[in-house]
Amino acid sequence: MKNFIITIILLSAVFVTGLAGWLASTNLLRPAKIETKVEETFYALTTKVVMIDYTTDIVWCEDYNGNIWEFYGCEDWAIDDIASLLMNDKGTENIEDDEIMSARYNGTFEGWR
C-alpha cells in the first residue's frame, strides 16, 4: 500500500509538471499583449512644382487641394513640373504629418492651377 501511494504521488508530480510546462508554452498564463503599433499606409499624390530654391536645394509642390509639400533635390526640377509623390500617412488621419518617401518627375501641365 505504501508503494502504491508513492507511485500515485510520483505520477501526480509528473502530471502537474507536464501540465505546468504545457501551460507555460501556451498564452493561457501570460497577460494579454496590447498592440500599440499603428499601421502606416502609403499613397500616391500628384503635385505641381510651384517654387524652387537652389540655395537651400528645396522644391515646393502644391497638390490639387492647395496643400504645399517640400522635398530636397532641386537639380532637375522646373516650375510647373508634375511631381508624383509617394506619401506615408504615418497611420494618422492628419495630413499635416504625412511624409514624402519619394518624388518622381511626371511631365508638365500648361495652365494647371
PDB file of N, CA and C in Angstrom:
ATOM      1  N   MET A   1       0.817  -1.194   0.000  1.00  0.00           N
ATOM      2  CA  MET A   1       0.000   0.000   0.000  1.00  0.00           C
ATOM      3  C   MET A   1       0.859   1.255   0.000  1.00  0.00           C
ATOM      4  N   LYS A   2       1.984   1.199   0.746  1.00  0.00           N
ATOM      5  CA  LYS A   2       2.887   2.333   0.808  1.00  0.00           C
ATOM      6  C   LYS A   2       3.493   2.613  -0.567  1.00  0.00           C
ATOM      7  N   ASN A   3       3.875   1.544  -1.296  1.00  0.00           N
ATOM      8  CA  ASN A   3       4.421   1.703  -2.644  1.00  0.00           C
ATOM      9  C   ASN A   3       3.374   2.290  -3.594  1.00  0.00           C
ATOM     10  N   PHE A   4       2.120   1.895  -3.417  1.00  0.00           N
ATOM     11  CA  PHE A   4       1.036   2.409  -4.241  1.00  0.00           C
ATOM     12  C   PHE A   4       0.873   3.917  -4.055  1.00  0.00           C
ATOM     13  N   ILE A   5       0.910   4.382  -2.825  1.00  0.00           N
ATOM     14  CA  ILE A   5       0.767   5.806  -2.520  1.00  0.00           C
ATOM     15  C   ILE A   5       1.951   6.589  -3.088  1.00  0.00           C
ATOM     16  N   ILE A   6       3.153   6.051  -2.962  1.00  0.00           N
ATOM     17  CA  ILE A   6       4.342   6.723  -3.510  1.00  0.00           C
ATOM     18  C   ILE A   6       4.232   6.803  -5.034  1.00  0.00           C
ATOM     19  N   THR A   7       3.741   5.748  -5.659  1.00  0.00           N
ATOM     20  CA  THR A   7       3.570   5.733  -7.112  1.00  0.00           C
ATOM     21  C   THR A   7       2.548   6.785  -7.533  1.00  0.00           C
ATOM     22  N   ILE A   8       1.459   6.883  -6.805  1.00  0.00           N
ATOM     23  CA  ILE A   8       0.418   7.883  -7.107  1.00  0.00           C
ATOM     24  C   ILE A   8       0.996   9.290  -6.954  1.00  0.00           C
ATOM     25  N   ILE A   9       1.765   9.539  -5.913  1.00  0.00           N
ATOM     26  CA  ILE A   9       2.374  10.852  -5.687  1.00  0.00           C
ATOM     27  C   ILE A   9       3.342  11.183  -6.813  1.00  0.00           C
ATOM     28  N   LEU A  10       4.178  10.219  -7.208  1.00  0.00           N
ATOM     29  CA  LEU A  10       5.130  10.451  -8.304  1.00  0.00           C
ATOM     30  C   LEU A  10       4.411  10.717  -9.623  1.00  0.00           C
ATOM     31  N   LEU A  11       3.378   9.943  -9.914  1.00  0.00           N
ATOM     32  CA  LEU A  11       2.615  10.169 -11.147  1.00  0.00           C
ATOM     33  C   LEU A  11       1.918  11.531 -11.127  1.00  0.00           C
ATOM     34  N   SER A  12       1.414  11.906  -9.965  1.00  0.00           N
ATOM     35  CA  SER A  12       0.772  13.224  -9.830  1.00  0.00           C
ATOM     36  C   SER A  12       1.789  14.333 -10.051  1.00  0.00           C
ATOM     37  N   ALA A  13       2.990  14.163  -9.508  1.00  0.00           N
ATOM     38  CA  ALA A  13       4.038  15.168  -9.682  1.00  0.00           C
ATOM     39  C   ALA A  13       4.435  15.292 -11.149  1.00  0.00           C
ATOM     40  N   VAL A  14       4.553  14.161 -11.836  1.00  0.00           N
ATOM     41  CA  VAL A  14       4.884  14.174 -13.266  1.00  0.00           C
ATOM     42  C   VAL A  14       3.771  14.858 -14.048  1.00  0.00           C
ATOM     43  N   PHE A  15       2.518  14.530 -13.708  1.00  0.00           N
ATOM     44  CA  PHE A  15       1.384  15.142 -14.394  1.00  0.00           C
ATOM     45  C   PHE A  15       1.361  16.662 -14.182  1.00  0.00           C
ATOM     46  N   VAL A  16       1.521  17.096 -12.941  1.00  0.00           N
ATOM     47  CA  VAL A  16       1.494  18.530 -12.629  1.00  0.00           C
ATOM     48  C   VAL A  16       2.650  19.250 -13.328  1.00  0.00           C
ATOM     49  N   THR A  17       3.839  18.640 -13.327  1.00  0.00           N
ATOM     50  CA  THR A  17       4.988  19.246 -14.003  1.00  0.00           C
ATOM     51  C   THR A  17       4.734  19.355 -15.503  1.00  0.00           C
ATOM     52  N   GLY A  18       4.194  18.299 -16.095  1.00  0.00           N
ATOM     53  CA  GLY A  18       3.861  18.330 -17.525  1.00  0.00           C
ATOM     54  C   GLY A  18       2.795  19.357 -17.837  1.00  0.00           C
ATOM     55  N   LEU A  19       1.783  19.428 -16.988  1.00  0.00           N
ATOM     56  CA  LEU A  19       0.715  20.407 -17.178  1.00  0.00           C
ATOM     57  C   LEU A  19       1.260  21.825 -17.066  1.00  0.00           C
ATOM     58  N   ALA A  20       2.116  22.072 -16.076  1.00  0.00           N
ATOM     59  CA  ALA A  20       2.705  23.400 -15.906  1.00  0.00           C
ATOM     60  C   ALA A  20       3.554  23.773 -17.117  1.00  0.00           C
ATOM     61  N   GLY A  21       4.317  22.817 -17.641  1.00  0.00           N
ATOM     62  CA  GLY A  21       5.120  23.080 -18.838  1.00  0.00           C
ATOM     63  C   GLY A  21       4.265  23.401 -20.043  1.00  0.00           C
ATOM     64  N   TRP A  22       3.177  22.646 -20.203  1.00  0.00           N
ATOM     65  CA  TRP A  22       2.274  22.902 -21.317  1.00  0.00           C
ATOM     66  C   TRP A  22       1.617  24.278 -21.196  1.00  0.00           C
ATOM     67  N   LEU A  23       1.147  24.638 -20.004  1.00  0.00           N
ATOM     68  CA  LEU A  23       0.528  25.946 -19.798  1.00  0.00           C
ATOM     69  C   LEU A  23       1.517  27.080 -20.051  1.00  0.00           C
ATOM     70  N   ALA A  24       2.765  26.873 -19.646  1.00  0.00           N
ATOM     71  CA  ALA A  24       3.784  27.902 -19.861  1.00  0.00           C
ATOM     72  C   ALA A  24       4.064  28.096 -21.345  1.00  0.00           C
ATOM     73  N   SER A  25       3.922  27.031 -22.139  1.00  0.00           N
ATOM     74  CA  SER A  25       4.197  27.142 -23.575  1.00  0.00           C
ATOM     75  C   SER A  25       3.024  27.763 -24.339  1.00  0.00           C
ATOM     76  N   THR A  26       1.879  27.861 -23.694  1.00  0.00           N
ATOM     77  CA  THR A  26       0.720  28.494 -24.331  1.00  0.00           C
ATOM     78  C   THR A  26       0.593  29.914 -23.803  1.00  0.00           C
ATOM     79  N   ASN A  27      -0.355  30.652 -24.316  1.00  0.00           N
ATOM     80  CA  ASN A  27      -0.592  32.020 -23.859  1.00  0.00           C
ATOM     81  C   ASN A  27      -1.619  32.079 -22.736  1.00  0.00           C
ATOM     82  N   LEU A  28      -1.996  30.935 -22.193  1.00  0.00           N
ATOM     83  CA  LEU A  28      -3.046  30.906 -21.181  1.00  0.00           C
ATOM     84  C   LEU A  28      -2.625  31.577 -19.875  1.00  0.00           C
ATOM     85  N   LEU A  29      -1.353  31.513 -19.532  1.00  0.00           N
ATOM     86  CA  LEU A  29      -0.897  32.098 -18.277  1.00  0.00           C
ATOM     87  C   LEU A  29      -0.271  33.480 -18.450  1.00  0.00           C
ATOM     88  N   ARG A  30      -0.112  33.919 -19.686  1.00  0.00           N
ATOM     89  CA  ARG A  30       0.516  35.214 -19.941  1.00  0.00           C
ATOM     90  C   ARG A  30      -0.542  36.307 -20.012  1.00  0.00           C
ATOM     91  N   PRO A  31      -0.195  37.505 -19.554  1.00  0.00           N
ATOM     92  CA  PRO A  31      -1.160  38.602 -19.684  1.00  0.00           C
ATOM     93  C   PRO A  31      -1.343  38.969 -21.158  1.00  0.00           C
ATOM     94  N   ALA A  32      -2.499  39.495 -21.465  1.00  0.00           N
ATOM     95  CA  ALA A  32      -2.788  39.879 -22.846  1.00  0.00           C
ATOM     96  C   ALA A  32      -1.821  40.956 -23.298  1.00  0.00           C
ATOM     97  N   LYS A  33      -1.327  40.811 -24.509  1.00  0.00           N
ATOM     98  CA  LYS A  33      -0.412  41.786 -25.078  1.00  0.00           C
ATOM     99  C   LYS A  33      -1.236  42.828 -25.819  1.00  0.00           C
ATOM    100  N   ILE A  34      -1.001  44.087 -25.514  1.00  0.00           N
ATOM    101  CA  ILE A  34      -1.729  45.164 -26.159  1.00  0.00           C
ATOM    102  C   ILE A  34      -0.864  45.697 -27.289  1.00  0.00           C
ATOM    103  N   GLU A  35      -1.381  45.614 -28.496  1.00  0.00           N
ATOM    104  CA  GLU A  35      -0.640  46.102 -29.657  1.00  0.00           C
ATOM    105  C   GLU A  35      -0.797  47.612 -29.746  1.00  0.00           C
ATOM    106  N   THR A  36       0.326  48.311 -29.811  1.00  0.00           N
ATOM    107  CA  THR A  36       0.291  49.763 -29.931  1.00  0.00           C
ATOM    108  C   THR A  36       0.812  50.241 -31.272  1.00  0.00           C
ATOM    109  N   LYS A  37       1.258  49.310 -32.119  1.00  0.00           N
ATOM    110  CA  LYS A  37       1.787  49.684 -33.418  1.00  0.00           C
ATOM    111  C   LYS A  37       0.659  50.196 -34.303  1.00  0.00           C
ATOM    112  N   VAL A  38       0.910  51.306 -34.934  1.00  0.00           N
ATOM    113  CA  VAL A  38      -0.053  51.900 -35.846  1.00  0.00           C
ATOM    114  C   VAL A  38       0.333  51.478 -37.262  1.00  0.00           C
ATOM    115  N   GLU A  39      -0.622  51.027 -38.016  1.00  0.00           N
ATOM    116  CA  GLU A  39      -0.363  50.608 -39.387  1.00  0.00           C
ATOM    117  C   GLU A  39      -0.189  51.837 -40.269  1.00  0.00           C
ATOM    118  N   GLU A  40       0.970  51.940 -40.882  1.00  0.00           N
ATOM    119  CA  GLU A  40       1.236  53.036 -41.802  1.00  0.00           C
ATOM    120  C   GLU A  40       0.818  52.614 -43.199  1.00  0.00           C
ATOM    121  N   THR A  41       0.300  53.544 -43.946  1.00  0.00           N
ATOM    122  CA  THR A  41      -0.070  53.243 -45.321  1.00  0.00           C
ATOM    123  C   THR A  41       0.573  54.251 -46.254  1.00  0.00           C
ATOM    124  N   PHE A  42       0.779  53.822 -47.462  1.00  0.00           N
ATOM    125  CA  PHE A  42       1.390  54.665 -48.475  1.00  0.00           C
ATOM    126  C   PHE A  42       0.349  54.998 -49.529  1.00  0.00           C
ATOM    127  N   TYR A  43       0.477  56.189 -50.098  1.00  0.00           N
ATOM    128  CA  TYR A  43      -0.437  56.589 -51.153  1.00  0.00           C
ATOM    129  C   TYR A  43       0.302  57.497 -52.138  1.00  0.00           C
ATOM    130  N   ALA A  44      -0.224  57.580 -53.354  1.00  0.00           N
ATOM    131  CA  ALA A  44       0.365  58.435 -54.384  1.00  0.00           C
ATOM    132  C   ALA A  44      -0.311  59.797 -54.349  1.00  0.00           C
ATOM    133  N   LEU A  45       0.483  60.833 -54.621  1.00  0.00           N
ATOM    134  CA  LEU A  45      -0.043  62.194 -54.638  1.00  0.00           C
ATOM    135  C   LEU A  45       0.566  62.931 -55.826  1.00  0.00           C
ATOM    136  N   THR A  46      -0.286  63.466 -56.691  1.00  0.00           N
ATOM    137  CA  THR A  46       0.177  64.240 -57.835  1.00  0.00           C
ATOM    138  C   THR A  46       0.216  65.709 -57.451  1.00  0.00           C
ATOM    139  N   THR A  47       1.344  66.347 -57.722  1.00  0.00           N
ATOM    140  CA  THR A  47       1.529  67.749 -57.355  1.00  0.00           C
ATOM    141  C   THR A  47       2.161  68.516 -58.510  1.00  0.00           C
ATOM    142  N   LYS A  48       2.139  69.844 -58.381  1.00  0.00           N
ATOM    143  CA  LYS A  48       2.777  70.732 -59.350  1.00  0.00           C
ATOM    144  C   LYS A  48       3.872  71.519 -58.634  1.00  0.00           C
ATOM    145  N   VAL A  49       5.047  71.587 -59.226  1.00  0.00           N
ATOM    146  CA  VAL A  49       6.151  72.350 -58.640  1.00  0.00           C
ATOM    147  C   VAL A  49       5.807  73.838 -58.735  1.00  0.00           C
ATOM    148  N   VAL A  50       5.801  74.522 -57.581  1.00  0.00           N
ATOM    149  CA  VAL A  50       5.431  75.937 -57.562  1.00  0.00           C
ATOM    150  C   VAL A  50       6.598  76.851 -57.195  1.00  0.00           C
ATOM    151  N   MET A  51       7.637  76.302 -56.575  1.00  0.00           N
ATOM    152  CA  MET A  51       8.779  77.137 -56.212  1.00  0.00           C
ATOM    153  C   MET A  51      10.011  76.257 -56.036  1.00  0.00           C
ATOM    154  N   ILE A  52      11.165  76.793 -56.422  1.00  0.00           N
ATOM    155  CA  ILE A  52      12.427  76.082 -56.282  1.00  0.00           C
ATOM    156  C   ILE A  52      13.441  77.036 -55.676  1.00  0.00           C
ATOM    157  N   ASP A  53      14.147  76.595 -54.656  1.00  0.00           N
ATOM    158  CA  ASP A  53      15.200  77.393 -54.039  1.00  0.00           C
ATOM    159  C   ASP A  53      16.514  76.637 -54.204  1.00  0.00           C
ATOM    160  N   TYR A  54      17.327  77.086 -55.156  1.00  0.00           N
ATOM    161  CA  TYR A  54      18.589  76.399 -55.443  1.00  0.00           C
ATOM    162  C   TYR A  54      19.606  76.596 -54.324  1.00  0.00           C
ATOM    163  N   THR A  55      19.463  77.644 -53.528  1.00  0.00           N
ATOM    164  CA  THR A  55      20.387  77.881 -52.419  1.00  0.00           C
ATOM    165  C   THR A  55      20.220  76.841 -51.325  1.00  0.00           C
ATOM    166  N   THR A  56      18.971  76.541 -50.966  1.00  0.00           N
ATOM    167  CA  THR A  56      18.697  75.554 -49.911  1.00  0.00           C
ATOM    168  C   THR A  56      18.411  74.161 -50.477  1.00  0.00           C
ATOM    169  N   ASP A  57      18.337  74.045 -51.829  1.00  0.00           N
ATOM    170  CA  ASP A  57      18.100  72.772 -52.515  1.00  0.00           C
ATOM    171  C   ASP A  57      16.717  72.197 -52.188  1.00  0.00           C
ATOM    172  N   ILE A  58      15.715  73.091 -52.056  1.00  0.00           N
ATOM    173  CA  ILE A  58      14.355  72.669 -51.707  1.00  0.00           C
ATOM    174  C   ILE A  58      13.406  72.943 -52.863  1.00  0.00           C
ATOM    175  N   VAL A  59      12.533  71.952 -53.131  1.00  0.00           N
ATOM    176  CA  VAL A  59      11.470  72.073 -54.128  1.00  0.00           C
ATOM    177  C   VAL A  59      10.143  72.113 -53.387  1.00  0.00           C
ATOM    178  N   TRP A  60       9.293  73.098 -53.703  1.00  0.00           N
ATOM    179  CA  TRP A  60       7.960  73.185 -53.111  1.00  0.00           C
ATOM    180  C   TRP A  60       6.942  72.792 -54.163  1.00  0.00           C
ATOM    181  N   CYS A  61       6.009  71.929 -53.769  1.00  0.00           N
ATOM    182  CA  CYS A  61       4.951  71.445 -54.659  1.00  0.00           C
ATOM    183  C   CYS A  61       3.596  71.737 -54.032  1.00  0.00           C
ATOM    184  N   GLU A  62       2.605  71.905 -54.899  1.00  0.00           N
ATOM    185  CA  GLU A  62       1.232  72.120 -54.430  1.00  0.00           C
ATOM    186  C   GLU A  62       0.345  71.017 -54.987  1.00  0.00           C
ATOM    187  N   ASP A  63      -0.463  70.415 -54.108  1.00  0.00           N
ATOM    188  CA  ASP A  63      -1.412  69.407 -54.586  1.00  0.00           C
ATOM    189  C   ASP A  63      -2.717  70.092 -54.992  1.00  0.00           C
ATOM    190  N   TYR A  64      -3.645  69.328 -55.510  1.00  0.00           N
ATOM    191  CA  TYR A  64      -4.898  69.887 -56.019  1.00  0.00           C
ATOM    192  C   TYR A  64      -5.718  70.578 -54.930  1.00  0.00           C
ATOM    193  N   ASN A  65      -5.549  70.167 -53.674  1.00  0.00           N
ATOM    194  CA  ASN A  65      -6.286  70.771 -52.555  1.00  0.00           C
ATOM    195  C   ASN A  65      -5.617  72.014 -52.006  1.00  0.00           C
ATOM    196  N   GLY A  66      -4.482  72.409 -52.571  1.00  0.00           N
ATOM    197  CA  GLY A  66      -3.794  73.606 -52.122  1.00  0.00           C
ATOM    198  C   GLY A  66      -2.763  73.369 -51.025  1.00  0.00           C
ATOM    199  N   ASN A  67      -2.528  72.118 -50.650  1.00  0.00           N
ATOM    200  CA  ASN A  67      -1.503  71.809 -49.651  1.00  0.00           C
ATOM    201  C   ASN A  67      -0.126  71.936 -50.288  1.00  0.00           C
ATOM    202  N   ILE A  68       0.815  72.506 -49.541  1.00  0.00           N
ATOM    203  CA  ILE A  68       2.178  72.678 -50.022  1.00  0.00           C
ATOM    204  C   ILE A  68       3.060  71.604 -49.398  1.00  0.00           C
ATOM    205  N   TRP A  69       3.860  70.954 -50.242  1.00  0.00           N
ATOM    206  CA  TRP A  69       4.783  69.898 -49.824  1.00  0.00           C
ATOM    207  C   TRP A  69       6.177  70.297 -50.271  1.00  0.00           C
ATOM    208  N   GLU A  70       7.193  69.879 -49.537  1.00  0.00           N
ATOM    209  CA  GLU A  70       8.552  70.209 -49.940  1.00  0.00           C
ATOM    210  C   GLU A  70       9.471  69.010 -49.802  1.00  0.00           C
ATOM    211  N   PHE A  71      10.475  68.993 -50.674  1.00  0.00           N
ATOM    212  CA  PHE A  71      11.488  67.942 -50.614  1.00  0.00           C
ATOM    213  C   PHE A  71      12.815  68.512 -51.101  1.00  0.00           C
ATOM    214  N   TYR A  72      13.887  67.813 -50.775  1.00  0.00           N
ATOM    215  CA  TYR A  72      15.225  68.231 -51.179  1.00  0.00           C
ATOM    216  C   TYR A  72      15.595  67.626 -52.525  1.00  0.00           C
ATOM    217  N   GLY A  73      16.424  68.344 -53.260  1.00  0.00           N
ATOM    218  CA  GLY A  73      16.941  67.830 -54.519  1.00  0.00           C
ATOM    219  C   GLY A  73      16.357  68.541 -55.723  1.00  0.00           C
ATOM    220  N   CYS A  74      16.720  69.800 -55.940  1.00  0.00           N
ATOM    221  CA  CYS A  74      16.079  70.594 -56.988  1.00  0.00           C
ATOM    222  C   CYS A  74      16.813  70.580 -58.328  1.00  0.00           C
ATOM    223  N   GLU A  75      17.906  69.844 -58.470  1.00  0.00           N
ATOM    224  CA  GLU A  75      18.766  69.946 -59.658  1.00  0.00           C
ATOM    225  C   GLU A  75      18.049  69.747 -60.989  1.00  0.00           C
ATOM    226  N   ASP A  76      17.069  68.873 -61.102  1.00  0.00           N
ATOM    227  CA  ASP A  76      16.411  68.609 -62.383  1.00  0.00           C
ATOM    228  C   ASP A  76      14.972  69.117 -62.449  1.00  0.00           C
ATOM    229  N   TRP A  77      14.529  69.871 -61.459  1.00  0.00           N
ATOM    230  CA  TRP A  77      13.138  70.306 -61.406  1.00  0.00           C
ATOM    231  C   TRP A  77      12.988  71.712 -61.970  1.00  0.00           C
ATOM    232  N   ALA A  78      11.775  71.992 -62.508  1.00  0.00           N
ATOM    233  CA  ALA A  78      11.440  73.325 -63.016  1.00  0.00           C
ATOM    234  C   ALA A  78      10.029  73.673 -62.549  1.00  0.00           C
ATOM    235  N   ILE A  79       9.748  74.972 -62.496  1.00  0.00           N
ATOM    236  CA  ILE A  79       8.405  75.425 -62.134  1.00  0.00           C
ATOM    237  C   ILE A  79       7.408  74.817 -63.142  1.00  0.00           C
ATOM    238  N   ASP A  80       6.249  74.407 -62.663  1.00  0.00           N
ATOM    239  CA  ASP A  80       5.161  73.784 -63.421  1.00  0.00           C
ATOM    240  C   ASP A  80       5.423  72.330 -63.802  1.00  0.00           C
ATOM    241  N   ASP A  81       6.513  71.717 -63.321  1.00  0.00           N
ATOM    242  CA  ASP A  81       6.698  70.280 -63.495  1.00  0.00           C
ATOM    243  C   ASP A  81       5.672  69.541 -62.648  1.00  0.00           C
ATOM    244  N   ILE A  82       5.282  68.360 -63.097  1.00  0.00           N
ATOM    245  CA  ILE A  82       4.405  67.498 -62.315  1.00  0.00           C
ATOM    246  C   ILE A  82       5.298  66.561 -61.507  1.00  0.00           C
ATOM    247  N   ALA A  83       5.100  66.571 -60.199  1.00  0.00           N
ATOM    248  CA  ALA A  83       5.850  65.686 -59.304  1.00  0.00           C
ATOM    249  C   ALA A  83       4.884  64.652 -58.738  1.00  0.00           C
ATOM    250  N   SER A  84       5.170  63.399 -59.004  1.00  0.00           N
ATOM    251  CA  SER A  84       4.387  62.304 -58.423  1.00  0.00           C
ATOM    252  C   SER A  84       5.082  61.893 -57.137  1.00  0.00           C
ATOM    253  N   LEU A  85       4.392  62.072 -56.013  1.00  0.00           N
ATOM    254  CA  LEU A  85       4.974  61.813 -54.703  1.00  0.00           C
ATOM    255  C   LEU A  85       4.425  60.519 -54.121  1.00  0.00           C
ATOM    256  N   LEU A  86       5.300  59.725 -53.528  1.00  0.00           N
ATOM    257  CA  LEU A  86       4.876  58.573 -52.740  1.00  0.00           C
ATOM    258  C   LEU A  86       4.856  59.038 -51.293  1.00  0.00           C
ATOM    259  N   MET A  87       3.673  58.997 -50.679  1.00  0.00           N
ATOM    260  CA  MET A  87       3.477  59.556 -49.354  1.00  0.00           C
ATOM    261  C   MET A  87       3.263  58.450 -48.312  1.00  0.00           C
ATOM    262  N   ASN A  88       3.682  58.734 -47.085  1.00  0.00           N
ATOM    263  CA  ASN A  88       3.439  57.856 -45.939  1.00  0.00           C
ATOM    264  C   ASN A  88       2.543  58.620 -44.980  1.00  0.00           C
ATOM    265  N   ASP A  89       1.377  58.069 -44.665  1.00  0.00           N
ATOM    266  CA  ASP A  89       0.440  58.789 -43.790  1.00  0.00           C
ATOM    267  C   ASP A  89       0.751  58.614 -42.305  1.00  0.00           C
ATOM    268  N   LYS A  90       1.760  57.831 -41.968  1.00  0.00           N
ATOM    269  CA  LYS A  90       2.195  57.583 -40.600  1.00  0.00           C
ATOM    270  C   LYS A  90       1.076  57.050 -39.708  1.00  0.00           C
ATOM    271  N   GLY A  91       0.050  56.494 -40.301  1.00  0.00           N
ATOM    272  CA  GLY A  91      -1.028  55.875 -39.540  1.00  0.00           C
ATOM    273  C   GLY A  91      -1.989  56.857 -38.894  1.00  0.00           C
ATOM    274  N   THR A  92      -1.965  58.111 -39.326  1.00  0.00           N
ATOM    275  CA  THR A  92      -2.882  59.098 -38.753  1.00  0.00           C
ATOM    276  C   THR A  92      -3.794  59.657 -39.831  1.00  0.00           C
ATOM    277  N   GLU A  93      -4.880  60.286 -39.406  1.00  0.00           N
ATOM    278  CA  GLU A  93      -5.788  60.932 -40.345  1.00  0.00           C
ATOM    279  C   GLU A  93      -5.353  62.353 -40.662  1.00  0.00           C
ATOM    280  N   ASN A  94      -4.436  62.894 -39.874  1.00  0.00           N
ATOM    281  CA  ASN A  94      -3.961  64.260 -40.056  1.00  0.00           C
ATOM    282  C   ASN A  94      -2.974  64.309 -41.220  1.00  0.00           C
ATOM    283  N   ILE A  95      -3.301  65.033 -42.270  1.00  0.00           N
ATOM    284  CA  ILE A  95      -2.452  65.091 -43.461  1.00  0.00           C
ATOM    285  C   ILE A  95      -1.171  65.882 -43.208  1.00  0.00           C
ATOM    286  N   GLU A  96      -1.182  66.730 -42.186  1.00  0.00           N
ATOM    287  CA  GLU A  96      -0.022  67.598 -41.937  1.00  0.00           C
ATOM    288  C   GLU A  96       1.210  66.852 -41.452  1.00  0.00           C
ATOM    289  N   ASP A  97       1.066  65.625 -40.966  1.00  0.00           N
ATOM    290  CA  ASP A  97       2.241  64.868 -40.528  1.00  0.00           C
ATOM    291  C   ASP A  97       2.695  63.846 -41.575  1.00  0.00           C
ATOM    292  N   ASP A  98       2.037  63.829 -42.745  1.00  0.00           N
ATOM    293  CA  ASP A  98       2.424  62.891 -43.796  1.00  0.00           C
ATOM    294  C   ASP A  98       3.825  63.226 -44.298  1.00  0.00           C
ATOM    295  N   GLU A  99       4.514  62.193 -44.760  1.00  0.00           N
ATOM    296  CA  GLU A  99       5.909  62.350 -45.150  1.00  0.00           C
ATOM    297  C   GLU A  99       6.112  61.893 -46.597  1.00  0.00           C
ATOM    298  N   ILE A 100       6.887  62.673 -47.336  1.00  0.00           N
ATOM    299  CA  ILE A 100       7.236  62.297 -48.711  1.00  0.00           C
ATOM    300  C   ILE A 100       8.314  61.231 -48.653  1.00  0.00           C
ATOM    301  N   MET A 101       8.032  60.080 -49.231  1.00  0.00           N
ATOM    302  CA  MET A 101       9.002  58.994 -49.266  1.00  0.00           C
ATOM    303  C   MET A 101       9.813  59.015 -50.559  1.00  0.00           C
ATOM    304  N   SER A 102       9.192  59.494 -51.639  1.00  0.00           N
ATOM    305  CA  SER A 102       9.844  59.504 -52.939  1.00  0.00           C
ATOM    306  C   SER A 102       9.174  60.546 -53.822  1.00  0.00           C
ATOM    307  N   ALA A 103       9.956  61.200 -54.679  1.00  0.00           N
ATOM    308  CA  ALA A 103       9.422  62.167 -55.639  1.00  0.00           C
ATOM    309  C   ALA A 103       9.940  61.804 -57.026  1.00  0.00           C
ATOM    310  N   ARG A 104       9.033  61.744 -58.004  1.00  0.00           N
ATOM    311  CA  ARG A 104       9.395  61.397 -59.376  1.00  0.00           C
ATOM    312  C   ARG A 104       8.805  62.416 -60.348  1.00  0.00           C
ATOM    313  N   TYR A 105       9.593  62.758 -61.340  1.00  0.00           N
ATOM    314  CA  TYR A 105       9.135  63.649 -62.407  1.00  0.00           C
ATOM    315  C   TYR A 105       8.078  62.930 -63.238  1.00  0.00           C
ATOM    316  N   ASN A 106       7.007  63.675 -63.612  1.00  0.00           N
ATOM    317  CA  ASN A 106       5.935  63.049 -64.381  1.00  0.00           C
ATOM    318  C   ASN A 106       5.407  63.966 -65.476  1.00  0.00           C
ATOM    319  N   GLY A 107       6.245  64.869 -66.003  1.00  0.00           N
ATOM    320  CA  GLY A 107       5.832  65.739 -67.100  1.00  0.00           C
ATOM    321  C   GLY A 107       5.488  67.139 -66.636  1.00  0.00           C
ATOM    322  N   THR A 108       4.758  67.879 -67.510  1.00  0.00           N
ATOM    323  CA  THR A 108       4.319  69.239 -67.184  1.00  0.00           C
ATOM    324  C   THR A 108       2.881  69.426 -67.660  1.00  0.00           C
ATOM    325  N   PHE A 109       2.201  70.370 -67.057  1.00  0.00           N
ATOM    326  CA  PHE A 109       0.868  70.783 -67.492  1.00  0.00           C
ATOM    327  C   PHE A 109       0.927  72.244 -67.857  1.00  0.00           C
ATOM    328  N   GLU A 110       0.318  72.601 -68.946  1.00  0.00           N
ATOM    329  CA  GLU A 110       0.152  74.008 -69.295  1.00  0.00           C
ATOM    330  C   GLU A 110      -1.166  74.485 -68.686  1.00  0.00           C
ATOM    331  N   GLY A 111      -1.104  75.513 -67.873  1.00  0.00           N
ATOM    332  CA  GLY A 111      -2.309  76.097 -67.316  1.00  0.00           C
ATOM    333  C   GLY A 111      -2.919  75.358 -66.146  1.00  0.00           C
ATOM    334  N   TRP A 112      -2.196  74.421 -65.535  1.00  0.00           N
ATOM    335  CA  TRP A 112      -2.746  73.712 -64.367  1.00  0.00           C
ATOM    336  C   TRP A 112      -2.548  74.577 -63.145  1.00  0.00           C
ATOM    337  N   ARG A 113      -3.617  75.074 -62.599  1.00  0.00           N
ATOM    338  CA  ARG A 113      -3.635  75.977 -61.453  1.00  0.00           C
ATOM    339  C   ARG A 113      -2.338  76.705 -61.367  1.00  0.00           C
TER     340      ARG A 113
END
